[in-house]
Every structure is written in C-alpha cells, then in structure tokens.
Amino acid sequence: MTGRHLKSVLLRAVVFSALALIVVASAVAIVRRNAATPIDTRQILSVTRNGRTVTFVECPECEKSMRVASDGMSATINLCRLRDGNPDAREFARRRDAAVEQAFLLMAEKHEEASRSGEPDKGKDK
C-alpha cells in the first residue's frame, strides 16, 4: 500500500466513524426526548367502595384499558379504550359498568394476594 492510499483509507474510516457517532447521538437524543414527554392524561371521575378506589382517566396514547395497583387498593380505567369501536351510549355504559365491576374484583384478588405474601399496603401503582 502506498502512503497516499493508506491516508485515503484512514480518512474514510474516520469520516464513517464520525457519521456513525452522529447517528447514535441523534437516536439517543430522540429516545430521551420521547421518554421525557409527559403523556396527556385527564382524570375524569373516581369511585370508592370499601376503601378501594377506581379512577377513570382519558389517555388516548395509553394502550391498556385498565391497571390495578399491586396492593389491590386502587385501579385506573382508561375511557378511551372503552370507546374503541365507537359504541353507542348504551353499549358504552355497559362496558363502563362491566369494567368497574371487573376492577373491584381484580383489586380484591390482588389485595388478598398481597396480604398472603405479607406485603404491606403501600398504594403503589405498577
């Protein structure tokens, strides 16, 4: 290899490495920016029975329809997911009522599991 050819190969390697570094840095910046962006969630209503609370929220970006806290003391229901398929008012009310009953049943199960395993009631959401 001649000196000129070696310089050309090294220069290409340096340029390629610099471009790769820029691409990686850009990707990291995008991931950090997206992770820091708050999800637009609006609390609508809360229902409490026997010390357990179900909260209705509207979160179009969230994929889950329901989330139950690990201690079984609270649950969150996403109304946006209950509206999937554009139900009429009667069907939406049926879905909402069924989701509330399901949430209270799941909370009772989780609370019992937490009590058996000796977990203290902390009210934390996963």
C-alpha atoms as a PDB file:
ATOM      1  CA  MET A   1       0.000   0.000   0.000  1.00  0.00           C
ATOM      2  CA  THR A   2       1.214   3.430  -0.797  1.00  0.00           C
ATOM      3  CA  GLY A   3       1.176   6.287   1.666  1.00  0.00           C
ATOM      4  CA  ARG A   4      -1.494   8.122  -0.305  1.00  0.00           C
ATOM      5  CA  HIS A   5      -3.781   5.047  -0.394  1.00  0.00           C
ATOM      6  CA  LEU A   6      -3.318   4.454   3.350  1.00  0.00           C
ATOM      7  CA  LYS A   7      -4.251   8.085   4.100  1.00  0.00           C
ATOM      8  CA  SER A   8      -7.371   7.723   1.956  1.00  0.00           C
ATOM      9  CA  VAL A   9      -8.456   4.545   3.776  1.00  0.00           C
ATOM     10  CA  LEU A  10      -7.825   6.101   7.200  1.00  0.00           C
ATOM     11  CA  LEU A  11      -9.703   9.271   6.244  1.00  0.00           C
ATOM     12  CA  ARG A  12     -12.709   7.217   5.103  1.00  0.00           C
ATOM     13  CA  ALA A  13     -12.656   5.240   8.358  1.00  0.00           C
ATOM     14  CA  VAL A  14     -12.567   8.440  10.423  1.00  0.00           C
ATOM     15  CA  VAL A  15     -15.419  10.000   8.428  1.00  0.00           C
ATOM     16  CA  PHE A  16     -17.502   6.817   8.683  1.00  0.00           C
ATOM     17  CA  SER A  17     -16.895   6.623  12.458  1.00  0.00           C
ATOM     18  CA  ALA A  18     -17.870  10.270  12.885  1.00  0.00           C
ATOM     19  CA  LEU A  19     -21.095   9.752  10.923  1.00  0.00           C
ATOM     20  CA  ALA A  20     -21.935   6.647  12.946  1.00  0.00           C
ATOM     21  CA  LEU A  21     -21.350   8.588  16.175  1.00  0.00           C
ATOM     22  CA  ILE A  22     -23.663  11.388  14.991  1.00  0.00           C
ATOM     23  CA  VAL A  23     -26.408   8.881  14.129  1.00  0.00           C
ATOM     24  CA  VAL A  24     -26.131   7.187  17.539  1.00  0.00           C
ATOM     25  CA  ALA A  25     -26.131  10.532  19.375  1.00  0.00           C
ATOM     26  CA  SER A  26     -29.230  11.633  17.448  1.00  0.00           C
ATOM     27  CA  ALA A  27     -31.031   8.395  18.266  1.00  0.00           C
ATOM     28  CA  VAL A  28     -30.191   8.746  21.967  1.00  0.00           C
ATOM     29  CA  ALA A  29     -31.450  12.348  21.966  1.00  0.00           C
ATOM     30  CA  ILE A  30     -34.741  11.293  20.359  1.00  0.00           C
ATOM     31  CA  VAL A  31     -35.263   8.477  22.871  1.00  0.00           C
ATOM     32  CA  ARG A  32     -34.552  10.808  25.805  1.00  0.00           C
ATOM     33  CA  ARG A  33     -36.886  13.482  24.445  1.00  0.00           C
ATOM     34  CA  ASN A  34     -39.705  10.969  23.938  1.00  0.00           C
ATOM     35  CA  ALA A  35     -39.194   9.477  27.391  1.00  0.00           C
ATOM     36  CA  ALA A  36     -39.389  12.925  28.980  1.00  0.00           C
ATOM     37  CA  THR A  37     -42.585  13.864  27.141  1.00  0.00           C
ATOM     38  CA  PRO A  38     -45.495  13.557  29.561  1.00  0.00           C
ATOM     39  CA  ILE A  39     -48.484  11.539  28.434  1.00  0.00           C
ATOM     40  CA  ASP A  40     -51.620  13.660  28.256  1.00  0.00           C
ATOM     41  CA  THR A  41     -53.891  12.027  30.840  1.00  0.00           C
ATOM     42  CA  ARG A  42     -57.027  13.614  32.181  1.00  0.00           C
ATOM     43  CA  GLN A  43     -58.695  12.341  35.357  1.00  0.00           C
ATOM     44  CA  ILE A  44     -62.467  12.247  34.948  1.00  0.00           C
ATOM     45  CA  LEU A  45     -64.047  10.567  37.982  1.00  0.00           C
ATOM     46  CA  SER A  46     -63.259   8.331  40.951  1.00  0.00           C
ATOM     47  CA  VAL A  47     -65.480   5.681  42.546  1.00  0.00           C
ATOM     48  CA  THR A  48     -64.673   4.346  46.035  1.00  0.00           C
ATOM     49  CA  ARG A  49     -66.054   1.208  47.703  1.00  0.00           C
ATOM     50  CA  ASN A  50     -64.788  -0.299  50.956  1.00  0.00           C
ATOM     51  CA  GLY A  51     -61.632   1.811  50.828  1.00  0.00           C
ATOM     52  CA  ARG A  52     -60.775   0.776  47.250  1.00  0.00           C
ATOM     53  CA  THR A  53     -60.807   3.409  44.505  1.00  0.00           C
ATOM     54  CA  VAL A  54     -61.361   3.126  40.754  1.00  0.00           C
ATOM     55  CA  THR A  55     -60.305   6.212  38.806  1.00  0.00           C
ATOM     56  CA  PHE A  56     -61.480   6.933  35.270  1.00  0.00           C
ATOM     57  CA  VAL A  57     -58.980   8.691  33.017  1.00  0.00           C
ATOM     58  CA  GLU A  58     -58.806   9.679  29.366  1.00  0.00           C
ATOM     59  CA  CYS A  59     -55.448   8.835  27.818  1.00  0.00           C
ATOM     60  CA  PRO A  60     -55.529   8.432  24.018  1.00  0.00           C
ATOM     61  CA  GLU A  61     -51.839   7.371  23.895  1.00  0.00           C
ATOM     62  CA  CYS A  62     -52.195   4.614  26.514  1.00  0.00           C
ATOM     63  CA  GLU A  63     -52.790   1.113  25.174  1.00  0.00           C
ATOM     64  CA  LYS A  64     -54.002  -0.510  28.392  1.00  0.00           C
ATOM     65  CA  SER A  65     -57.673  -0.324  29.251  1.00  0.00           C
ATOM     66  CA  MET A  66     -57.140  -0.986  32.965  1.00  0.00           C
ATOM     67  CA  ARG A  67     -54.341  -1.032  35.510  1.00  0.00           C
ATOM     68  CA  VAL A  68     -54.624  -2.328  39.077  1.00  0.00           C
ATOM     69  CA  ALA A  69     -52.168  -1.345  41.815  1.00  0.00           C
ATOM     70  CA  SER A  70     -50.048  -4.145  43.257  1.00  0.00           C
ATOM     71  CA  ASP A  71     -51.602  -3.725  46.718  1.00  0.00           C
ATOM     72  CA  GLY A  72     -55.142  -4.025  45.332  1.00  0.00           C
ATOM     73  CA  MET A  73     -56.319  -0.710  46.764  1.00  0.00           C
ATOM     74  CA  SER A  74     -56.680   1.283  43.535  1.00  0.00           C
ATOM     75  CA  ALA A  75     -57.281   0.831  39.832  1.00  0.00           C
ATOM     76  CA  THR A  76     -57.312   3.062  36.771  1.00  0.00           C
ATOM     77  CA  ILE A  77     -59.656   2.599  33.811  1.00  0.00           C
ATOM     78  CA  ASN A  78     -58.904   4.315  30.502  1.00  0.00           C
ATOM     79  CA  LEU A  79     -62.174   5.548  28.982  1.00  0.00           C
ATOM     80  CA  CYS A  80     -60.520   5.937  25.571  1.00  0.00           C
ATOM     81  CA  ARG A  81     -60.087   2.156  25.337  1.00  0.00           C
ATOM     82  CA  LEU A  82     -63.731   1.603  26.348  1.00  0.00           C
ATOM     83  CA  ARG A  83     -64.725   3.783  23.384  1.00  0.00           C
ATOM     84  CA  ASP A  84     -62.800   1.613  20.895  1.00  0.00           C
ATOM     85  CA  GLY A  85     -65.115   0.577  18.080  1.00  0.00           C
ATOM     86  CA  ASN A  86     -67.293   3.699  18.566  1.00  0.00           C
ATOM     87  CA  PRO A  87     -70.070   2.120  20.704  1.00  0.00           C
ATOM     88  CA  ASP A  88     -73.442   3.806  21.179  1.00  0.00           C
ATOM     89  CA  ALA A  89     -74.281   5.321  24.588  1.00  0.00           C
ATOM     90  CA  ARG A  90     -75.971   2.176  25.927  1.00  0.00           C
ATOM     91  CA  GLU A  91     -73.060  -0.092  24.908  1.00  0.00           C
ATOM     92  CA  PHE A  92     -70.522   2.371  26.340  1.00  0.00           C
ATOM     93  CA  ALA A  93     -72.396   2.449  29.675  1.00  0.00           C
ATOM     94  CA  ARG A  94     -72.467  -1.371  29.713  1.00  0.00           C
ATOM     95  CA  ARG A  95     -68.706  -1.522  29.036  1.00  0.00           C
ATOM     96  CA  ARG A  96     -68.032   1.101  31.717  1.00  0.00           C
ATOM     97  CA  ASP A  97     -70.107  -0.700  34.361  1.00  0.00           C
ATOM     98  CA  ALA A  98     -68.527  -4.061  33.498  1.00  0.00           C
ATOM     99  CA  ALA A  99     -65.039  -2.520  33.716  1.00  0.00           C
ATOM    100  CA  VAL A 100     -65.794  -1.083  37.170  1.00  0.00           C
ATOM    101  CA  GLU A 101     -67.031  -4.430  38.477  1.00  0.00           C
ATOM    102  CA  GLN A 102     -64.033  -6.213  36.958  1.00  0.00           C
ATOM    103  CA  ALA A 103     -61.691  -3.646  38.540  1.00  0.00           C
ATOM    104  CA  PHE A 104     -63.176  -4.160  42.016  1.00  0.00           C
ATOM    105  CA  LEU A 105     -62.902  -7.956  41.625  1.00  0.00           C
ATOM    106  CA  LEU A 106     -59.265  -7.698  40.479  1.00  0.00           C
ATOM    107  CA  MET A 107     -58.454  -5.316  43.334  1.00  0.00           C
ATOM    108  CA  ALA A 108     -59.932  -7.761  45.858  1.00  0.00           C
ATOM    109  CA  GLU A 109     -57.830 -10.595  44.384  1.00  0.00           C
ATOM    110  CA  LYS A 110     -54.637  -8.514  44.374  1.00  0.00           C
ATOM    111  CA  HIS A 111     -55.270  -7.294  47.926  1.00  0.00           C
ATOM    112  CA  GLU A 112     -55.727 -10.877  49.092  1.00  0.00           C
ATOM    113  CA  GLU A 113     -52.510 -11.951  47.309  1.00  0.00           C
ATOM    114  CA  ALA A 114     -50.617  -9.044  48.869  1.00  0.00           C
ATOM    115  CA  SER A 115     -51.985  -9.927  52.312  1.00  0.00           C
ATOM    116  CA  ARG A 116     -50.955 -13.586  51.930  1.00  0.00           C
ATOM    117  CA  SER A 117     -47.462 -12.675  50.776  1.00  0.00           C
ATOM    118  CA  GLY A 118     -47.029 -10.267  53.676  1.00  0.00           C
ATOM    119  CA  GLU A 119     -46.709  -7.142  51.509  1.00  0.00           C
ATOM    120  CA  PRO A 120     -47.667  -4.001  53.391  1.00  0.00           C
ATOM    121  CA  ASP A 121     -50.383  -1.794  51.890  1.00  0.00           C
ATOM    122  CA  LYS A 122     -48.466   0.988  50.173  1.00  0.00           C
ATOM    123  CA  GLY A 123     -50.920   2.080  47.500  1.00  0.00           C
ATOM    124  CA  LYS A 124     -48.247   1.968  44.801  1.00  0.00           C
ATOM    125  CA  ASP A 125     -49.126   1.587  41.157  1.00  0.00           C
ATOM    126  CA  LYS A 126     -47.013  -0.524  38.845  1.00  0.00           C
END
